[in-house]
PDB file of N, CA and C in Angstrom:
ATOM      1  N   MET A   1      -3.999 -16.867 -41.591  1.00  0.00           N
ATOM      2  CA  MET A   1      -2.587 -16.594 -41.667  1.00  0.00           C
ATOM      3  C   MET A   1      -2.142 -16.733 -43.119  1.00  0.00           C
ATOM      4  N   GLY A   2      -1.104 -16.011 -43.439  1.00  0.00           N
ATOM      5  CA  GLY A   2      -0.614 -16.112 -44.796  1.00  0.00           C
ATOM      6  C   GLY A   2       0.222 -14.906 -45.141  1.00  0.00           C
ATOM      7  N   ASN A   3       0.596 -14.805 -46.376  1.00  0.00           N
ATOM      8  CA  ASN A   3       1.434 -13.708 -46.851  1.00  0.00           C
ATOM      9  C   ASN A   3       0.655 -12.858 -47.829  1.00  0.00           C
ATOM     10  N   ASP A   4       0.981 -11.582 -47.815  1.00  0.00           N
ATOM     11  CA  ASP A   4       0.432 -10.657 -48.794  1.00  0.00           C
ATOM     12  C   ASP A   4       1.631 -10.055 -49.516  1.00  0.00           C
ATOM     13  N   THR A   5       1.911 -10.516 -50.719  1.00  0.00           N
ATOM     14  CA  THR A   5       3.103 -10.096 -51.443  1.00  0.00           C
ATOM     15  C   THR A   5       2.702  -9.253 -52.631  1.00  0.00           C
ATOM     16  N   GLN A   6       3.351  -8.107 -52.765  1.00  0.00           N
ATOM     17  CA  GLN A   6       3.055  -7.211 -53.873  1.00  0.00           C
ATOM     18  C   GLN A   6       4.371  -6.763 -54.511  1.00  0.00           C
ATOM     19  N   PRO A   7       4.571  -7.026 -55.802  1.00  0.00           N
ATOM     20  CA  PRO A   7       5.763  -6.486 -56.470  1.00  0.00           C
ATOM     21  C   PRO A   7       5.603  -4.986 -56.678  1.00  0.00           C
ATOM     22  N   GLN A   8       6.677  -4.241 -56.522  1.00  0.00           N
ATOM     23  CA  GLN A   8       6.628  -2.784 -56.602  1.00  0.00           C
ATOM     24  C   GLN A   8       7.376  -2.278 -57.828  1.00  0.00           C
ATOM     25  N   GLY A   9       6.681  -1.888 -58.834  1.00  0.00           N
ATOM     26  CA  GLY A   9       7.198  -1.186 -60.013  1.00  0.00           C
ATOM     27  C   GLY A   9       8.419  -1.797 -60.671  1.00  0.00           C
ATOM     28  N   ASP A  10       9.223  -0.916 -61.288  1.00  0.00           N
ATOM     29  CA  ASP A  10      10.386  -1.330 -62.065  1.00  0.00           C
ATOM     30  C   ASP A  10      11.581  -1.680 -61.196  1.00  0.00           C
ATOM     31  N   GLU A  11      11.574  -1.258 -59.962  1.00  0.00           N
ATOM     32  CA  GLU A  11      12.743  -1.462 -59.104  1.00  0.00           C
ATOM     33  C   GLU A  11      12.894  -2.918 -58.677  1.00  0.00           C
ATOM     34  N   GLY A  12      11.856  -3.655 -58.700  1.00  0.00           N
ATOM     35  CA  GLY A  12      11.936  -5.081 -58.487  1.00  0.00           C
ATOM     36  C   GLY A  12      11.940  -5.540 -57.044  1.00  0.00           C
ATOM     37  N   TYR A  13      11.719  -4.672 -56.074  1.00  0.00           N
ATOM     38  CA  TYR A  13      11.662  -5.171 -54.702  1.00  0.00           C
ATOM     39  C   TYR A  13      10.237  -5.559 -54.344  1.00  0.00           C
ATOM     40  N   VAL A  14      10.121  -6.387 -53.282  1.00  0.00           N
ATOM     41  CA  VAL A  14       8.828  -6.956 -52.919  1.00  0.00           C
ATOM     42  C   VAL A  14       8.504  -6.587 -51.477  1.00  0.00           C
ATOM     43  N   ILE A  15       7.283  -6.155 -51.222  1.00  0.00           N
ATOM     44  CA  ILE A  15       6.819  -5.903 -49.859  1.00  0.00           C
ATOM     45  C   ILE A  15       6.070  -7.143 -49.398  1.00  0.00           C
ATOM     46  N   THR A  16       6.471  -7.681 -48.255  1.00  0.00           N
ATOM     47  CA  THR A  16       5.832  -8.875 -47.716  1.00  0.00           C
ATOM     48  C   THR A  16       5.241  -8.547 -46.358  1.00  0.00           C
ATOM     49  N   GLU A  17       4.004  -8.899 -46.153  1.00  0.00           N
ATOM     50  CA  GLU A  17       3.342  -8.700 -44.868  1.00  0.00           C
ATOM     51  C   GLU A  17       2.894 -10.060 -44.362  1.00  0.00           C
ATOM     52  N   ASN A  18       3.192 -10.345 -43.118  1.00  0.00           N
ATOM     53  CA  ASN A  18       2.765 -11.592 -42.491  1.00  0.00           C
ATOM     54  C   ASN A  18       1.772 -11.275 -41.388  1.00  0.00           C
ATOM     55  N   TRP A  19       0.696 -11.989 -41.343  1.00  0.00           N
ATOM     56  CA  TRP A  19      -0.328 -11.794 -40.331  1.00  0.00           C
ATOM     57  C   TRP A  19      -0.515 -13.093 -39.569  1.00  0.00           C
ATOM     58  N   GLY A  20      -0.770 -12.977 -38.277  1.00  0.00           N
ATOM     59  CA  GLY A  20      -1.006 -14.182 -37.497  1.00  0.00           C
ATOM     60  C   GLY A  20      -1.427 -13.832 -36.080  1.00  0.00           C
ATOM     61  N   PHE A  21      -1.717 -14.824 -35.283  1.00  0.00           N
ATOM     62  CA  PHE A  21      -2.068 -14.619 -33.883  1.00  0.00           C
ATOM     63  C   PHE A  21      -1.616 -15.843 -33.104  1.00  0.00           C
ATOM     64  N   GLN A  22      -1.573 -15.657 -31.784  1.00  0.00           N
ATOM     65  CA  GLN A  22      -1.150 -16.746 -30.908  1.00  0.00           C
ATOM     66  C   GLN A  22      -1.964 -16.687 -29.638  1.00  0.00           C
ATOM     67  N   ILE A  23      -2.399 -17.816 -29.160  1.00  0.00           N
ATOM     68  CA  ILE A  23      -3.139 -17.936 -27.901  1.00  0.00           C
ATOM     69  C   ILE A  23      -2.381 -18.916 -27.022  1.00  0.00           C
ATOM     70  N   ASN A  24      -2.243 -18.552 -25.746  1.00  0.00           N
ATOM     71  CA  ASN A  24      -1.518 -19.404 -24.819  1.00  0.00           C
ATOM     72  C   ASN A  24      -2.348 -19.585 -23.554  1.00  0.00           C
ATOM     73  N   PHE A  25      -2.475 -20.796 -23.086  1.00  0.00           N
ATOM     74  CA  PHE A  25      -3.190 -21.100 -21.848  1.00  0.00           C
ATOM     75  C   PHE A  25      -2.214 -21.710 -20.861  1.00  0.00           C
ATOM     76  N   SER A  26      -2.328 -21.311 -19.607  1.00  0.00           N
ATOM     77  CA  SER A  26      -1.479 -21.865 -18.561  1.00  0.00           C
ATOM     78  C   SER A  26      -2.374 -22.344 -17.428  1.00  0.00           C
ATOM     79  N   VAL A  27      -2.224 -23.590 -17.047  1.00  0.00           N
ATOM     80  CA  VAL A  27      -3.042 -24.181 -15.994  1.00  0.00           C
ATOM     81  C   VAL A  27      -2.112 -24.726 -14.921  1.00  0.00           C
ATOM     82  N   PRO A  28      -2.214 -24.205 -13.674  1.00  0.00           N
ATOM     83  CA  PRO A  28      -1.358 -24.745 -12.619  1.00  0.00           C
ATOM     84  C   PRO A  28      -1.777 -26.173 -12.268  1.00  0.00           C
ATOM     85  N   LEU A  29      -0.806 -27.044 -12.165  1.00  0.00           N
ATOM     86  CA  LEU A  29      -1.104 -28.427 -11.839  1.00  0.00           C
ATOM     87  C   LEU A  29      -1.076 -28.676 -10.334  1.00  0.00           C
ATOM     88  N   ASP A  30      -0.438 -27.768  -9.586  1.00  0.00           N
ATOM     89  CA  ASP A  30      -0.303 -27.920  -8.145  1.00  0.00           C
ATOM     90  C   ASP A  30      -0.942 -26.717  -7.462  1.00  0.00           C
ATOM     91  N   LYS A  31      -2.047 -26.918  -6.746  1.00  0.00           N
ATOM     92  CA  LYS A  31      -2.747 -25.800  -6.104  1.00  0.00           C
ATOM     93  C   LYS A  31      -2.023 -25.282  -4.868  1.00  0.00           C
ATOM     94  N   ARG A  32      -1.063 -26.041  -4.329  1.00  0.00           N
ATOM     95  CA  ARG A  32      -0.313 -25.565  -3.164  1.00  0.00           C
ATOM     96  C   ARG A  32       0.479 -24.314  -3.508  1.00  0.00           C
ATOM     97  N   GLY A  33       1.029 -24.265  -4.702  1.00  0.00           N
ATOM     98  CA  GLY A  33       1.787 -23.090  -5.125  1.00  0.00           C
ATOM     99  C   GLY A  33       0.911 -21.855  -5.195  1.00  0.00           C
ATOM    100  N   LEU A  34      -0.291 -22.011  -5.690  1.00  0.00           N
ATOM    101  CA  LEU A  34      -1.235 -20.897  -5.776  1.00  0.00           C
ATOM    102  C   LEU A  34      -1.618 -20.402  -4.384  1.00  0.00           C
ATOM    103  N   GLU A  35      -1.887 -21.331  -3.469  1.00  0.00           N
ATOM    104  CA  GLU A  35      -2.247 -20.948  -2.102  1.00  0.00           C
ATOM    105  C   GLU A  35      -1.079 -20.265  -1.405  1.00  0.00           C
ATOM    106  N   GLN A  36       0.123 -20.768  -1.611  1.00  0.00           N
ATOM    107  CA  GLN A  36       1.308 -20.151  -1.014  1.00  0.00           C
ATOM    108  C   GLN A  36       1.500 -18.738  -1.565  1.00  0.00           C
ATOM    109  N   CYS A  37       1.283 -18.563  -2.836  1.00  0.00           N
ATOM    110  CA  CYS A  37       1.399 -17.236  -3.449  1.00  0.00           C
ATOM    111  C   CYS A  37       0.382 -16.271  -2.846  1.00  0.00           C
ATOM    112  N   ARG A  38      -0.839 -16.744  -2.623  1.00  0.00           N
ATOM    113  CA  ARG A  38      -1.865 -15.892  -2.007  1.00  0.00           C
ATOM    114  C   ARG A  38      -1.493 -15.519  -0.574  1.00  0.00           C
ATOM    115  N   GLN A  39      -0.937 -16.456   0.187  1.00  0.00           N
ATOM    116  CA  GLN A  39      -0.523 -16.171   1.566  1.00  0.00           C
ATOM    117  C   GLN A  39       0.600 -15.142   1.586  1.00  0.00           C
ATOM    118  N   ILE A  40       1.559 -15.295   0.687  1.00  0.00           N
ATOM    119  CA  ILE A  40       2.665 -14.335   0.616  1.00  0.00           C
ATOM    120  C   ILE A  40       2.135 -12.954   0.242  1.00  0.00           C
ATOM    121  N   ALA A  41       1.223 -12.889  -0.696  1.00  0.00           N
ATOM    122  CA  ALA A  41       0.637 -11.609  -1.109  1.00  0.00           C
ATOM    123  C   ALA A  41      -0.126 -10.966   0.045  1.00  0.00           C
ATOM    124  N   LYS A  42      -0.842 -11.761   0.831  1.00  0.00           N
ATOM    125  CA  LYS A  42      -1.594 -11.229   1.970  1.00  0.00           C
ATOM    126  C   LYS A  42      -0.644 -10.668   3.024  1.00  0.00           C
ATOM    127  N   ARG A  43       0.443 -11.401   3.325  1.00  0.00           N
ATOM    128  CA  ARG A  43       1.423 -10.905   4.298  1.00  0.00           C
ATOM    129  C   ARG A  43       2.084  -9.621   3.811  1.00  0.00           C
ATOM    130  N   GLN A  44       2.395  -9.569   2.520  1.00  0.00           N
ATOM    131  CA  GLN A  44       3.008  -8.371   1.956  1.00  0.00           C
ATOM    132  C   GLN A  44       2.052  -7.185   2.050  1.00  0.00           C
ATOM    133  N   GLU A  45       0.774  -7.414   1.788  1.00  0.00           N
ATOM    134  CA  GLU A  45      -0.214  -6.343   1.886  1.00  0.00           C
ATOM    135  C   GLU A  45      -0.341  -5.848   3.323  1.00  0.00           C
ATOM    136  N   GLU A  46      -0.369  -6.766   4.295  1.00  0.00           N
ATOM    137  CA  GLU A  46      -0.443  -6.370   5.701  1.00  0.00           C
ATOM    138  C   GLU A  46       0.792  -5.581   6.109  1.00  0.00           C
ATOM    139  N   ARG A  47       1.957  -6.005   5.637  1.00  0.00           N
ATOM    140  CA  ARG A  47       3.196  -5.294   5.951  1.00  0.00           C
ATOM    141  C   ARG A  47       3.178  -3.892   5.372  1.00  0.00           C
ATOM    142  N   MET A  48       2.672  -3.744   4.147  1.00  0.00           N
ATOM    143  CA  MET A  48       2.597  -2.432   3.514  1.00  0.00           C
ATOM    144  C   MET A  48       1.607  -1.520   4.238  1.00  0.00           C
ATOM    145  N   LYS A  49       0.477  -2.077   4.696  1.00  0.00           N
ATOM    146  CA  LYS A  49      -0.493  -1.273   5.458  1.00  0.00           C
ATOM    147  C   LYS A  49       0.119  -0.778   6.768  1.00  0.00           C
ATOM    148  N   LEU A  50       0.828  -1.667   7.477  1.00  0.00           N
ATOM    149  CA  LEU A  50       1.467  -1.287   8.728  1.00  0.00           C
ATOM    150  C   LEU A  50       2.516  -0.205   8.491  1.00  0.00           C
ATOM    151  N   GLU A  51       3.317  -0.381   7.460  1.00  0.00           N
ATOM    152  CA  GLU A  51       4.346   0.611   7.141  1.00  0.00           C
ATOM    153  C   GLU A  51       3.715   1.959   6.811  1.00  0.00           C
ATOM    154  N   TYR A  52       2.619   1.946   6.047  1.00  0.00           N
ATOM    155  CA  TYR A  52       1.922   3.182   5.715  1.00  0.00           C
ATOM    156  C   TYR A  52       1.428   3.883   6.980  1.00  0.00           C
ATOM    157  N   GLU A  53       0.798   3.135   7.887  1.00  0.00           N
ATOM    158  CA  GLU A  53       0.261   3.738   9.112  1.00  0.00           C
ATOM    159  C   GLU A  53       1.367   4.295  10.002  1.00  0.00           C
ATOM    160  N   MET A  54       2.501   3.585  10.078  1.00  0.00           N
ATOM    161  CA  MET A  54       3.613   4.067  10.904  1.00  0.00           C
ATOM    162  C   MET A  54       4.214   5.351  10.322  1.00  0.00           C
ATOM    163  N   ILE A  55       4.369   5.400   9.017  1.00  0.00           N
ATOM    164  CA  ILE A  55       4.912   6.608   8.381  1.00  0.00           C
ATOM    165  C   ILE A  55       3.935   7.764   8.534  1.00  0.00           C
ATOM    166  N   ARG A  56       2.641   7.487   8.364  1.00  0.00           N
ATOM    167  CA  ARG A  56       1.624   8.541   8.519  1.00  0.00           C
ATOM    168  C   ARG A  56       1.641   9.110   9.927  1.00  0.00           C
ATOM    169  N   ALA A  57       1.689   8.237  10.927  1.00  0.00           N
ATOM    170  CA  ALA A  57       1.716   8.696  12.320  1.00  0.00           C
ATOM    171  C   ALA A  57       2.978   9.509  12.598  1.00  0.00           C
ATOM    172  N   ASN A  58       4.105   9.048  12.080  1.00  0.00           N
ATOM    173  CA  ASN A  58       5.371   9.749  12.299  1.00  0.00           C
ATOM    174  C   ASN A  58       5.347  11.136  11.671  1.00  0.00           C
ATOM    175  N   LYS A  59       4.866  11.244  10.444  1.00  0.00           N
ATOM    176  CA  LYS A  59       4.821  12.540   9.764  1.00  0.00           C
ATOM    177  C   LYS A  59       3.824  13.487  10.428  1.00  0.00           C
ATOM    178  N   CYS A  60       2.677  12.972  10.874  1.00  0.00           N
ATOM    179  CA  CYS A  60       1.700  13.823  11.564  1.00  0.00           C
ATOM    180  C   CYS A  60       2.269  14.316  12.896  1.00  0.00           C
ATOM    181  N   ALA A  61       2.958  13.431  13.616  1.00  0.00           N
ATOM    182  CA  ALA A  61       3.569  13.839  14.884  1.00  0.00           C
ATOM    183  C   ALA A  61       4.641  14.899  14.640  1.00  0.00           C
ATOM    184  N   ASP A  62       5.419  14.763  13.561  1.00  0.00           N
ATOM    185  CA  ASP A  62       6.420  15.783  13.225  1.00  0.00           C
ATOM    186  C   ASP A  62       5.760  17.124  12.957  1.00  0.00           C
ATOM    187  N   LEU A  63       4.645  17.104  12.210  1.00  0.00           N
ATOM    188  CA  LEU A  63       3.918  18.346  11.957  1.00  0.00           C
ATOM    189  C   LEU A  63       3.438  18.981  13.255  1.00  0.00           C
ATOM    190  N   GLN A  64       2.871  18.163  14.149  1.00  0.00           N
ATOM    191  CA  GLN A  64       2.362  18.690  15.418  1.00  0.00           C
ATOM    192  C   GLN A  64       3.500  19.211  16.288  1.00  0.00           C
ATOM    193  N   ARG A  65       4.627  18.500  16.290  1.00  0.00           N
ATOM    194  CA  ARG A  65       5.780  18.926  17.086  1.00  0.00           C
ATOM    195  C   ARG A  65       6.302  20.272  16.611  1.00  0.00           C
ATOM    196  N   LYS A  66       6.230  20.522  15.310  1.00  0.00           N
ATOM    197  CA  LYS A  66       6.696  21.783  14.744  1.00  0.00           C
ATOM    198  C   LYS A  66       5.642  22.884  14.854  1.00  0.00           C
ATOM    199  N   GLY A  67       4.456  22.536  15.353  1.00  0.00           N
ATOM    200  CA  GLY A  67       3.408  23.531  15.549  1.00  0.00           C
ATOM    201  C   GLY A  67       2.501  23.723  14.351  1.00  0.00           C
ATOM    202  N   PHE A  68       2.466  22.761  13.458  1.00  0.00           N
ATOM    203  CA  PHE A  68       1.633  22.872  12.264  1.00  0.00           C
ATOM    204  C   PHE A  68       0.558  21.793  12.265  1.00  0.00           C
ATOM    205  N   THR A  69      -0.496  22.070  11.520  1.00  0.00           N
ATOM    206  CA  THR A  69      -1.550  21.087  11.271  1.00  0.00           C
ATOM    207  C   THR A  69      -2.268  21.490   9.991  1.00  0.00           C
ATOM    208  N   TYR A  70      -3.184  20.674   9.547  1.00  0.00           N
ATOM    209  CA  TYR A  70      -3.971  21.012   8.362  1.00  0.00           C
ATOM    210  C   TYR A  70      -5.029  22.045   8.727  1.00  0.00           C
ATOM    211  N   ALA A  71      -5.399  22.850   7.766  1.00  0.00           N
ATOM    212  CA  ALA A  71      -6.454  23.843   7.973  1.00  0.00           C
ATOM    213  C   ALA A  71      -7.789  23.128   8.174  1.00  0.00           C
ATOM    214  N   PRO A  72      -8.701  23.707   8.976  1.00  0.00           N
ATOM    215  CA  PRO A  72      -9.993  23.054   9.232  1.00  0.00           C
ATOM    216  C   PRO A  72     -10.817  22.789   7.978  1.00  0.00           C
ATOM    217  N   ASN A  73     -10.658  23.599   6.933  1.00  0.00           N
ATOM    218  CA  ASN A  73     -11.444  23.395   5.713  1.00  0.00           C
ATOM    219  C   ASN A  73     -10.688  22.580   4.661  1.00  0.00           C
ATOM    220  N   SER A  74      -9.512  22.069   5.001  1.00  0.00           N
ATOM    221  CA  SER A  74      -8.725  21.276   4.054  1.00  0.00           C
ATOM    222  C   SER A  74      -9.320  19.874   3.901  1.00  0.00           C
ATOM    223  N   PRO A  75      -9.361  19.345   2.680  1.00  0.00           N
ATOM    224  CA  PRO A  75      -9.845  17.969   2.510  1.00  0.00           C
ATOM    225  C   PRO A  75      -8.861  16.942   3.073  1.00  0.00           C
ATOM    226  N   HIS A  76      -7.636  17.364   3.361  1.00  0.00           N
ATOM    227  CA  HIS A  76      -6.615  16.443   3.880  1.00  0.00           C
ATOM    228  C   HIS A  76      -6.526  16.456   5.407  1.00  0.00           C
ATOM    229  N   ARG A  77      -7.402  17.196   6.065  1.00  0.00           N
ATOM    230  CA  ARG A  77      -7.334  17.302   7.532  1.00  0.00           C
ATOM    231  C   ARG A  77      -7.581  15.958   8.215  1.00  0.00           C
ATOM    232  N   ILE A  78      -8.277  15.045   7.539  1.00  0.00           N
ATOM    233  CA  ILE A  78      -8.560  13.750   8.153  1.00  0.00           C
ATOM    234  C   ILE A  78      -7.320  12.857   8.211  1.00  0.00           C
ATOM    235  N   ALA A  79      -6.260  13.238   7.475  1.00  0.00           N
ATOM    236  CA  ALA A  79      -5.041  12.413   7.462  1.00  0.00           C
ATOM    237  C   ALA A  79      -4.425  12.317   8.843  1.00  0.00           C
ATOM    238  N   CYS A  80      -4.504  13.389   9.622  1.00  0.00           N
ATOM    239  CA  CYS A  80      -3.893  13.404  10.954  1.00  0.00           C
ATOM    240  C   CYS A  80      -4.916  13.546  12.075  1.00  0.00           C
ATOM    241  N   ALA A  81      -6.193  13.354  11.771  1.00  0.00           N
ATOM    242  CA  ALA A  81      -7.245  13.573  12.762  1.00  0.00           C
ATOM    243  C   ALA A  81      -7.152  12.612  13.943  1.00  0.00           C
ATOM    244  N   ASP A  82      -6.647  11.403  13.729  1.00  0.00           N
ATOM    245  CA  ASP A  82      -6.599  10.425  14.810  1.00  0.00           C
ATOM    246  C   ASP A  82      -5.239  10.337  15.492  1.00  0.00           C
ATOM    247  N   ILE A  83      -4.307  11.236  15.179  1.00  0.00           N
ATOM    248  CA  ILE A  83      -2.986  11.245  15.801  1.00  0.00           C
ATOM    249  C   ILE A  83      -2.990  12.328  16.879  1.00  0.00           C
ATOM    250  N   ILE A  84      -2.895  11.893  18.149  1.00  0.00           N
ATOM    251  CA  ILE A  84      -2.885  12.837  19.266  1.00  0.00           C
ATOM    252  C   ILE A  84      -1.724  12.502  20.190  1.00  0.00           C
ATOM    253  N   PRO A  85      -1.212  13.482  20.935  1.00  0.00           N
ATOM    254  CA  PRO A  85      -0.124  13.180  21.876  1.00  0.00           C
ATOM    255  C   PRO A  85      -0.637  12.376  23.069  1.00  0.00           C
ATOM    256  N   ILE A  86       0.237  11.596  23.660  1.00  0.00           N
ATOM    257  CA  ILE A  86      -0.145  10.781  24.818  1.00  0.00           C
ATOM    258  C   ILE A  86      -0.616  11.662  25.967  1.00  0.00           C
ATOM    259  N   SER A  87      -0.016  12.841  26.104  1.00  0.00           N
ATOM    260  CA  SER A  87      -0.401  13.730  27.202  1.00  0.00           C
ATOM    261  C   SER A  87      -1.846  14.188  27.101  1.00  0.00           C
ATOM    262  N   ALA A  88      -2.449  14.095  25.923  1.00  0.00           N
ATOM    263  CA  ALA A  88      -3.846  14.493  25.755  1.00  0.00           C
ATOM    264  C   ALA A  88      -4.813  13.428  26.261  1.00  0.00           C
ATOM    265  N   LEU A  89      -4.317  12.232  26.485  1.00  0.00           N
ATOM    266  CA  LEU A  89      -5.175  11.161  26.983  1.00  0.00           C
ATOM    267  C   LEU A  89      -5.354  11.302  28.487  1.00  0.00           C
ATOM    268  N   LYS A  90      -6.562  11.165  28.932  1.00  0.00           N
ATOM    269  CA  LYS A  90      -6.866  11.228  30.370  1.00  0.00           C
ATOM    270  C   LYS A  90      -7.398   9.868  30.779  1.00  0.00           C
ATOM    271  N   PRO A  91      -6.721   9.195  31.696  1.00  0.00           N
ATOM    272  CA  PRO A  91      -7.198   7.868  32.095  1.00  0.00           C
ATOM    273  C   PRO A  91      -8.471   7.984  32.928  1.00  0.00           C
ATOM    274  N   PRO A  92      -9.319   6.988  32.844  1.00  0.00           N
ATOM    275  CA  PRO A  92     -10.486   6.979  33.727  1.00  0.00           C
ATOM    276  C   PRO A  92     -10.017   6.934  35.181  1.00  0.00           C
ATOM    277  N   LYS A  93     -10.802   7.516  36.081  1.00  0.00           N
ATOM    278  CA  LYS A  93     -10.384   7.608  37.482  1.00  0.00           C
ATOM    279  C   LYS A  93     -10.271   6.245  38.145  1.00  0.00           C
ATOM    280  N   ASP A  94     -11.027   5.264  37.694  1.00  0.00           N
ATOM    281  CA  ASP A  94     -10.991   3.956  38.329  1.00  0.00           C
ATOM    282  C   ASP A  94      -9.898   3.048  37.766  1.00  0.00           C
ATOM    283  N   SER A  95      -9.188   3.477  36.718  1.00  0.00           N
ATOM    284  CA  SER A  95      -8.124   2.635  36.171  1.00  0.00           C
ATOM    285  C   SER A  95      -6.767   3.154  36.623  1.00  0.00           C
ATOM    286  N   ILE A  96      -5.808   2.270  36.639  1.00  0.00           N
ATOM    287  CA  ILE A  96      -4.450   2.636  37.048  1.00  0.00           C
ATOM    288  C   ILE A  96      -3.527   2.358  35.864  1.00  0.00           C
ATOM    289  N   TRP A  97      -2.895   3.400  35.381  1.00  0.00           N
ATOM    290  CA  TRP A  97      -1.898   3.253  34.342  1.00  0.00           C
ATOM    291  C   TRP A  97      -0.539   3.157  35.008  1.00  0.00           C
ATOM    292  N   PRO A  98       0.368   2.377  34.507  1.00  0.00           N
ATOM    293  CA  PRO A  98       1.658   2.192  35.168  1.00  0.00           C
ATOM    294  C   PRO A  98       2.447   3.484  35.355  1.00  0.00           C
ATOM    295  N   TRP A  99       2.333   4.431  34.440  1.00  0.00           N
ATOM    296  CA  TRP A  99       3.106   5.657  34.563  1.00  0.00           C
ATOM    297  C   TRP A  99       2.345   6.768  35.281  1.00  0.00           C
ATOM    298  N   LYS A 100       1.135   6.507  35.687  1.00  0.00           N
ATOM    299  CA  LYS A 100       0.323   7.482  36.418  1.00  0.00           C
ATOM    300  C   LYS A 100      -0.095   6.874  37.754  1.00  0.00           C
ATOM    301  N   ASN A 101      -0.381   7.691  38.706  1.00  0.00           N
ATOM    302  CA  ASN A 101      -0.942   7.279  39.997  1.00  0.00           C
ATOM    303  C   ASN A 101      -0.116   6.197  40.689  1.00  0.00           C
ATOM    304  N   LYS A 102       1.197   6.373  40.689  1.00  0.00           N
ATOM    305  CA  LYS A 102       2.015   5.381  41.396  1.00  0.00           C
ATOM    306  C   LYS A 102       1.814   5.583  42.887  1.00  0.00           C
ATOM    307  N   LYS A 103       1.371   4.543  43.535  1.00  0.00           N
ATOM    308  CA  LYS A 103       1.121   4.619  44.967  1.00  0.00           C
ATOM    309  C   LYS A 103       2.346   4.129  45.718  1.00  0.00           C
ATOM    310  N   LYS A 104       2.668   4.829  46.770  1.00  0.00           N
ATOM    311  CA  LYS A 104       3.785   4.413  47.585  1.00  0.00           C
ATOM    312  C   LYS A 104       3.338   3.257  48.474  1.00  0.00           C
ATOM    313  N   PRO A 105       4.219   2.278  48.639  1.00  0.00           N
ATOM    314  CA  PRO A 105       3.836   1.165  49.514  1.00  0.00           C
ATOM    315  C   PRO A 105       3.698   1.643  50.959  1.00  0.00           C
ATOM    316  N   THR A 106       2.693   1.145  51.640  1.00  0.00           N
ATOM    317  CA  THR A 106       2.489   1.515  53.048  1.00  0.00           C
ATOM    318  C   THR A 106       3.388   0.633  53.924  1.00  0.00           C
ATOM    319  N   PRO A 107       4.027   1.255  54.967  1.00  0.00           N
ATOM    320  CA  PRO A 107       4.917   0.461  55.833  1.00  0.00           C
ATOM    321  C   PRO A 107       4.187  -0.446  56.775  1.00  0.00           C
TER     322      PRO A 107
END
């Protein structure tokens, strides 16, 4: 560190340059804060993943409702590959879904 001073000609002004560096270290004294920060970050990441999946499903369903989809040779076709309408699902014959196969009570 130091100064580099050079007088400039007859005008009498001086150019001064200062050089230096600084190093700073920070050490947490309480590990509970670090763990709490990690937990908050994990919850935020999970929330963002859920929000992404919900928006993706909603947009794909909108495309399907309007009669559109990605072209078979598109690299983006996998974005909506797992979004299907409920009516496309066929329950196994041995299972009973609440909205299907409602049996009338026998008298």
